[in-house]
Amino acid sequence: MNRIAELRKEKGFTSIREFTHFINDNLHYDVSVATMVLLEKDKTDPQYNLVKTLANYFGVSIEYMMGE
């Protein structure tokens, strides 16, 4: 189980939609809300560049973020 939802909420983003807009606008990574929903629910394999971008933003390792 990944920790993306937990980390997202710790940063103050209460909705996936809000966080997705932040990623697109501020982290300059084009991702859809649907992809983020699936990613948080472990229903899709994440793209490495997205995981790396999020890990850098959260200040954690990729392994930690993905629950390893």
PDB file of N, CA and C in Angstrom:
ATOM      1  N   MET A   1       0.840  -1.187   0.000  1.00  0.00           N
ATOM      2  CA  MET A   1       0.000   0.000   0.000  1.00  0.00           C
ATOM      3  C   MET A   1       0.880   1.244   0.000  1.00  0.00           C
ATOM      4  N   ASN A   2       0.592   2.174  -0.871  1.00  0.00           N
ATOM      5  CA  ASN A   2       1.402   3.382  -0.932  1.00  0.00           C
ATOM      6  C   ASN A   2       0.915   4.410   0.078  1.00  0.00           C
ATOM      7  N   ARG A   3       1.738   5.419   0.290  1.00  0.00           N
ATOM      8  CA  ARG A   3       1.449   6.453   1.284  1.00  0.00           C
ATOM      9  C   ARG A   3       1.095   7.799   0.653  1.00  0.00           C
ATOM     10  N   ILE A   4       0.749   7.814  -0.598  1.00  0.00           N
ATOM     11  CA  ILE A   4       0.507   9.069  -1.287  1.00  0.00           C
ATOM     12  C   ILE A   4      -0.646   9.847  -0.646  1.00  0.00           C
ATOM     13  N   ALA A   5      -1.750   9.196  -0.354  1.00  0.00           N
ATOM     14  CA  ALA A   5      -2.896   9.890   0.248  1.00  0.00           C
ATOM     15  C   ALA A   5      -2.516  10.469   1.603  1.00  0.00           C
ATOM     16  N   GLU A   6      -1.796   9.694   2.396  1.00  0.00           N
ATOM     17  CA  GLU A   6      -1.354  10.155   3.715  1.00  0.00           C
ATOM     18  C   GLU A   6      -0.458  11.385   3.595  1.00  0.00           C
ATOM     19  N   LEU A   7       0.498  11.331   2.691  1.00  0.00           N
ATOM     20  CA  LEU A   7       1.422  12.445   2.493  1.00  0.00           C
ATOM     21  C   LEU A   7       0.693  13.664   1.933  1.00  0.00           C
ATOM     22  N   ARG A   8      -0.241  13.420   1.040  1.00  0.00           N
ATOM     23  CA  ARG A   8      -1.033  14.510   0.447  1.00  0.00           C
ATOM     24  C   ARG A   8      -1.788  15.262   1.538  1.00  0.00           C
ATOM     25  N   LYS A   9      -2.431  14.514   2.415  1.00  0.00           N
ATOM     26  CA  LYS A   9      -3.214  15.126   3.489  1.00  0.00           C
ATOM     27  C   LYS A   9      -2.322  15.868   4.483  1.00  0.00           C
ATOM     28  N   GLU A  10      -1.128  15.341   4.739  1.00  0.00           N
ATOM     29  CA  GLU A  10      -0.178  16.021   5.629  1.00  0.00           C
ATOM     30  C   GLU A  10       0.225  17.383   5.080  1.00  0.00           C
ATOM     31  N   LYS A  11       0.222  17.515   3.752  1.00  0.00           N
ATOM     32  CA  LYS A  11       0.561  18.792   3.113  1.00  0.00           C
ATOM     33  C   LYS A  11      -0.641  19.739   3.032  1.00  0.00           C
ATOM     34  N   GLY A  12      -1.795  19.280   3.518  1.00  0.00           N
ATOM     35  CA  GLY A  12      -2.966  20.146   3.565  1.00  0.00           C
ATOM     36  C   GLY A  12      -3.908  20.031   2.383  1.00  0.00           C
ATOM     37  N   PHE A  13      -3.672  19.088   1.492  1.00  0.00           N
ATOM     38  CA  PHE A  13      -4.560  18.892   0.347  1.00  0.00           C
ATOM     39  C   PHE A  13      -5.642  17.895   0.740  1.00  0.00           C
ATOM     40  N   THR A  14      -6.859  18.382   0.886  1.00  0.00           N
ATOM     41  CA  THR A  14      -7.944  17.517   1.327  1.00  0.00           C
ATOM     42  C   THR A  14      -8.565  16.712   0.192  1.00  0.00           C
ATOM     43  N   SER A  15      -8.398  17.174  -1.029  1.00  0.00           N
ATOM     44  CA  SER A  15      -8.983  16.444  -2.158  1.00  0.00           C
ATOM     45  C   SER A  15      -7.904  16.072  -3.173  1.00  0.00           C
ATOM     46  N   ILE A  16      -8.147  14.965  -3.831  1.00  0.00           N
ATOM     47  CA  ILE A  16      -7.241  14.524  -4.889  1.00  0.00           C
ATOM     48  C   ILE A  16      -7.263  15.527  -6.034  1.00  0.00           C
ATOM     49  N   ARG A  17      -8.432  16.059  -6.329  1.00  0.00           N
ATOM     50  CA  ARG A  17      -8.560  17.035  -7.432  1.00  0.00           C
ATOM     51  C   ARG A  17      -7.681  18.262  -7.170  1.00  0.00           C
ATOM     52  N   GLU A  18      -7.744  18.791  -5.967  1.00  0.00           N
ATOM     53  CA  GLU A  18      -6.934  19.953  -5.596  1.00  0.00           C
ATOM     54  C   GLU A  18      -5.439  19.637  -5.716  1.00  0.00           C
ATOM     55  N   PHE A  19      -5.059  18.462  -5.242  1.00  0.00           N
ATOM     56  CA  PHE A  19      -3.649  18.067  -5.298  1.00  0.00           C
ATOM     57  C   PHE A  19      -3.185  17.870  -6.742  1.00  0.00           C
ATOM     58  N   THR A  20      -4.047  17.288  -7.558  1.00  0.00           N
ATOM     59  CA  THR A  20      -3.703  17.078  -8.966  1.00  0.00           C
ATOM     60  C   THR A  20      -3.475  18.409  -9.671  1.00  0.00           C
ATOM     61  N   HIS A  21      -4.327  19.388  -9.406  1.00  0.00           N
ATOM     62  CA  HIS A  21      -4.130  20.718  -9.995  1.00  0.00           C
ATOM     63  C   HIS A  21      -2.803  21.320  -9.521  1.00  0.00           C
ATOM     64  N   PHE A  22      -2.464  21.118  -8.263  1.00  0.00           N
ATOM     65  CA  PHE A  22      -1.191  21.605  -7.737  1.00  0.00           C
ATOM     66  C   PHE A  22      -0.020  20.958  -8.478  1.00  0.00           C
ATOM     67  N   ILE A  23      -0.095  19.644  -8.679  1.00  0.00           N
ATOM     68  CA  ILE A  23       0.973  18.928  -9.392  1.00  0.00           C
ATOM     69  C   ILE A  23       1.142  19.502 -10.793  1.00  0.00           C
ATOM     70  N   ASN A  24       0.025  19.648 -11.493  1.00  0.00           N
ATOM     71  CA  ASN A  24       0.073  20.158 -12.868  1.00  0.00           C
ATOM     72  C   ASN A  24       0.616  21.580 -12.933  1.00  0.00           C
ATOM     73  N   ASP A  25       0.157  22.440 -12.039  1.00  0.00           N
ATOM     74  CA  ASP A  25       0.511  23.857 -12.090  1.00  0.00           C
ATOM     75  C   ASP A  25       1.861  24.181 -11.460  1.00  0.00           C
ATOM     76  N   ASN A  26       2.188  23.528 -10.352  1.00  0.00           N
ATOM     77  CA  ASN A  26       3.384  23.916  -9.592  1.00  0.00           C
ATOM     78  C   ASN A  26       4.557  22.961  -9.754  1.00  0.00           C
ATOM     79  N   LEU A  27       4.270  21.691  -9.963  1.00  0.00           N
ATOM     80  CA  LEU A  27       5.357  20.725 -10.131  1.00  0.00           C
ATOM     81  C   LEU A  27       5.620  20.440 -11.604  1.00  0.00           C
ATOM     82  N   HIS A  28       4.787  21.027 -12.449  1.00  0.00           N
ATOM     83  CA  HIS A  28       4.948  20.947 -13.907  1.00  0.00           C
ATOM     84  C   HIS A  28       4.991  19.503 -14.398  1.00  0.00           C
ATOM     85  N   TYR A  29       4.093  18.703 -13.849  1.00  0.00           N
ATOM     86  CA  TYR A  29       3.932  17.320 -14.304  1.00  0.00           C
ATOM     87  C   TYR A  29       2.473  17.150 -14.691  1.00  0.00           C
ATOM     88  N   ASP A  30       2.237  16.728 -15.905  1.00  0.00           N
ATOM     89  CA  ASP A  30       0.882  16.592 -16.425  1.00  0.00           C
ATOM     90  C   ASP A  30       0.305  15.237 -16.015  1.00  0.00           C
ATOM     91  N   VAL A  31      -0.653  15.279 -15.113  1.00  0.00           N
ATOM     92  CA  VAL A  31      -1.294  14.058 -14.625  1.00  0.00           C
ATOM     93  C   VAL A  31      -2.785  14.333 -14.463  1.00  0.00           C
ATOM     94  N   SER A  32      -3.591  13.312 -14.682  1.00  0.00           N
ATOM     95  CA  SER A  32      -5.044  13.484 -14.560  1.00  0.00           C
ATOM     96  C   SER A  32      -5.514  13.114 -13.154  1.00  0.00           C
ATOM     97  N   VAL A  33      -6.680  13.615 -12.825  1.00  0.00           N
ATOM     98  CA  VAL A  33      -7.300  13.272 -11.543  1.00  0.00           C
ATOM     99  C   VAL A  33      -7.546  11.765 -11.492  1.00  0.00           C
ATOM    100  N   ALA A  34      -8.020  11.204 -12.589  1.00  0.00           N
ATOM    101  CA  ALA A  34      -8.298   9.766 -12.637  1.00  0.00           C
ATOM    102  C   ALA A  34      -7.039   8.945 -12.338  1.00  0.00           C
ATOM    103  N   THR A  35      -5.912   9.359 -12.890  1.00  0.00           N
ATOM    104  CA  THR A  35      -4.654   8.655 -12.636  1.00  0.00           C
ATOM    105  C   THR A  35      -4.278   8.742 -11.167  1.00  0.00           C
ATOM    106  N   MET A  36      -4.453   9.912 -10.572  1.00  0.00           N
ATOM    107  CA  MET A  36      -4.117  10.074  -9.158  1.00  0.00           C
ATOM    108  C   MET A  36      -5.036   9.237  -8.270  1.00  0.00           C
ATOM    109  N   VAL A  37      -6.310   9.157  -8.611  1.00  0.00           N
ATOM    110  CA  VAL A  37      -7.235   8.316  -7.846  1.00  0.00           C
ATOM    111  C   VAL A  37      -6.779   6.862  -7.901  1.00  0.00           C
ATOM    112  N   LEU A  38      -6.484   6.390  -9.093  1.00  0.00           N
ATOM    113  CA  LEU A  38      -6.026   5.010  -9.247  1.00  0.00           C
ATOM    114  C   LEU A  38      -4.705   4.777  -8.523  1.00  0.00           C
ATOM    115  N   LEU A  39      -3.828   5.738  -8.590  1.00  0.00           N
ATOM    116  CA  LEU A  39      -2.528   5.614  -7.931  1.00  0.00           C
ATOM    117  C   LEU A  39      -2.684   5.533  -6.421  1.00  0.00           C
ATOM    118  N   GLU A  40      -3.504   6.384  -5.851  1.00  0.00           N
ATOM    119  CA  GLU A  40      -3.715   6.354  -4.411  1.00  0.00           C
ATOM    120  C   GLU A  40      -4.375   5.063  -3.952  1.00  0.00           C
ATOM    121  N   LYS A  41      -5.165   4.454  -4.810  1.00  0.00           N
ATOM    122  CA  LYS A  41      -5.847   3.208  -4.457  1.00  0.00           C
ATOM    123  C   LYS A  41      -5.046   1.966  -4.854  1.00  0.00           C
ATOM    124  N   ASP A  42      -3.812   2.171  -5.330  1.00  0.00           N
ATOM    125  CA  ASP A  42      -2.960   1.065  -5.790  1.00  0.00           C
ATOM    126  C   ASP A  42      -3.620   0.246  -6.897  1.00  0.00           C
ATOM    127  N   LYS A  43      -4.338   0.917  -7.775  1.00  0.00           N
ATOM    128  CA  LYS A  43      -5.024   0.239  -8.874  1.00  0.00           C
ATOM    129  C   LYS A  43      -4.294   0.397 -10.200  1.00  0.00           C
ATOM    130  N   THR A  44      -3.137   1.065 -10.181  1.00  0.00           N
ATOM    131  CA  THR A  44      -2.345   1.237 -11.395  1.00  0.00           C
ATOM    132  C   THR A  44      -0.876   1.283 -11.020  1.00  0.00           C
ATOM    133  N   ASP A  45      -0.048   0.890 -11.956  1.00  0.00           N
ATOM    134  CA  ASP A  45       1.390   0.997 -11.749  1.00  0.00           C
ATOM    135  C   ASP A  45       1.810   2.427 -12.046  1.00  0.00           C
ATOM    136  N   PRO A  46       2.486   3.055 -11.097  1.00  0.00           N
ATOM    137  CA  PRO A  46       2.870   4.457 -11.294  1.00  0.00           C
ATOM    138  C   PRO A  46       4.001   4.614 -12.294  1.00  0.00           C
ATOM    139  N   GLN A  47       3.990   5.730 -12.973  1.00  0.00           N
ATOM    140  CA  GLN A  47       5.101   6.074 -13.861  1.00  0.00           C
ATOM    141  C   GLN A  47       6.253   6.573 -12.994  1.00  0.00           C
ATOM    142  N   TYR A  48       7.448   6.133 -13.307  1.00  0.00           N
ATOM    143  CA  TYR A  48       8.619   6.471 -12.498  1.00  0.00           C
ATOM    144  C   TYR A  48       8.777   7.980 -12.334  1.00  0.00           C
ATOM    145  N   ASN A  49       8.630   8.743 -13.402  1.00  0.00           N
ATOM    146  CA  ASN A  49       8.835  10.195 -13.308  1.00  0.00           C
ATOM    147  C   ASN A  49       7.829  10.860 -12.376  1.00  0.00           C
ATOM    148  N   LEU A  50       6.603  10.373 -12.361  1.00  0.00           N
ATOM    149  CA  LEU A  50       5.601  10.912 -11.445  1.00  0.00           C
ATOM    150  C   LEU A  50       5.972  10.575 -10.002  1.00  0.00           C
ATOM    151  N   VAL A  51       6.354   9.343  -9.768  1.00  0.00           N
ATOM    152  CA  VAL A  51       6.740   8.929  -8.415  1.00  0.00           C
ATOM    153  C   VAL A  51       7.942   9.733  -7.934  1.00  0.00           C
ATOM    154  N   LYS A  52       8.906   9.919  -8.797  1.00  0.00           N
ATOM    155  CA  LYS A  52      10.102  10.695  -8.449  1.00  0.00           C
ATOM    156  C   LYS A  52       9.722  12.140  -8.133  1.00  0.00           C
ATOM    157  N   THR A  53       8.862  12.737  -8.941  1.00  0.00           N
ATOM    158  CA  THR A  53       8.405  14.108  -8.721  1.00  0.00           C
ATOM    159  C   THR A  53       7.708  14.239  -7.375  1.00  0.00           C
ATOM    160  N   LEU A  54       6.821  13.300  -7.076  1.00  0.00           N
ATOM    161  CA  LEU A  54       6.086  13.347  -5.815  1.00  0.00           C
ATOM    162  C   LEU A  54       7.008  13.108  -4.617  1.00  0.00           C
ATOM    163  N   ALA A  55       7.923  12.157  -4.737  1.00  0.00           N
ATOM    164  CA  ALA A  55       8.858  11.882  -3.639  1.00  0.00           C
ATOM    165  C   ALA A  55       9.706  13.114  -3.342  1.00  0.00           C
ATOM    166  N   ASN A  56      10.156  13.784  -4.370  1.00  0.00           N
ATOM    167  CA  ASN A  56      10.931  15.012  -4.171  1.00  0.00           C
ATOM    168  C   ASN A  56      10.089  16.076  -3.480  1.00  0.00           C
ATOM    169  N   TYR A  57       8.857  16.235  -3.896  1.00  0.00           N
ATOM    170  CA  TYR A  57       7.975  17.227  -3.295  1.00  0.00           C
ATOM    171  C   TYR A  57       7.719  16.918  -1.822  1.00  0.00           C
ATOM    172  N   PHE A  58       7.446  15.657  -1.520  1.00  0.00           N
ATOM    173  CA  PHE A  58       7.156  15.266  -0.145  1.00  0.00           C
ATOM    174  C   PHE A  58       8.408  15.171   0.723  1.00  0.00           C
ATOM    175  N   GLY A  59       9.576  15.121   0.101  1.00  0.00           N
ATOM    176  CA  GLY A  59      10.825  15.015   0.853  1.00  0.00           C
ATOM    177  C   GLY A  59      11.044  13.641   1.446  1.00  0.00           C
ATOM    178  N   VAL A  60      10.605  12.619   0.710  1.00  0.00           N
ATOM    179  CA  VAL A  60      10.756  11.242   1.167  1.00  0.00           C
ATOM    180  C   VAL A  60      11.367  10.414   0.040  1.00  0.00           C
ATOM    181  N   SER A  61      11.800   9.213   0.374  1.00  0.00           N
ATOM    182  CA  SER A  61      12.320   8.323  -0.656  1.00  0.00           C
ATOM    183  C   SER A  61      11.154   7.711  -1.448  1.00  0.00           C
ATOM    184  N   ILE A  62      11.461   7.287  -2.637  1.00  0.00           N
ATOM    185  CA  ILE A  62      10.460   6.623  -3.458  1.00  0.00           C
ATOM    186  C   ILE A  62       9.964   5.358  -2.754  1.00  0.00           C
ATOM    187  N   GLU A  63      10.870   4.649  -2.141  1.00  0.00           N
ATOM    188  CA  GLU A  63      10.512   3.403  -1.452  1.00  0.00           C
ATOM    189  C   GLU A  63       9.533   3.669  -0.305  1.00  0.00           C
ATOM    190  N   TYR A  64       9.800   4.705   0.479  1.00  0.00           N
ATOM    191  CA  TYR A  64       8.917   5.056   1.592  1.00  0.00           C
ATOM    192  C   TYR A  64       7.537   5.431   1.057  1.00  0.00           C
ATOM    193  N   MET A  65       7.517   6.290   0.059  1.00  0.00           N
ATOM    194  CA  MET A  65       6.257   6.768  -0.483  1.00  0.00           C
ATOM    195  C   MET A  65       5.413   5.614  -1.025  1.00  0.00           C
ATOM    196  N   MET A  66       6.055   4.615  -1.620  1.00  0.00           N
ATOM    197  CA  MET A  66       5.329   3.503  -2.197  1.00  0.00           C
ATOM    198  C   MET A  66       5.069   2.394  -1.178  1.00  0.00           C
ATOM    199  N   GLY A  67       5.408   2.628   0.089  1.00  0.00           N
ATOM    200  CA  GLY A  67       5.058   1.691   1.143  1.00  0.00           C
ATOM    201  C   GLY A  67       6.015   0.549   1.345  1.00  0.00           C
ATOM    202  N   GLU A  68       7.193   0.677   0.818  1.00  0.00           N
ATOM    203  CA  GLU A  68       8.187  -0.402   0.970  1.00  0.00           C
ATOM    204  C   GLU A  68       9.021  -0.196   2.206  1.00  0.00           C
TER     205      GLU A  68
END
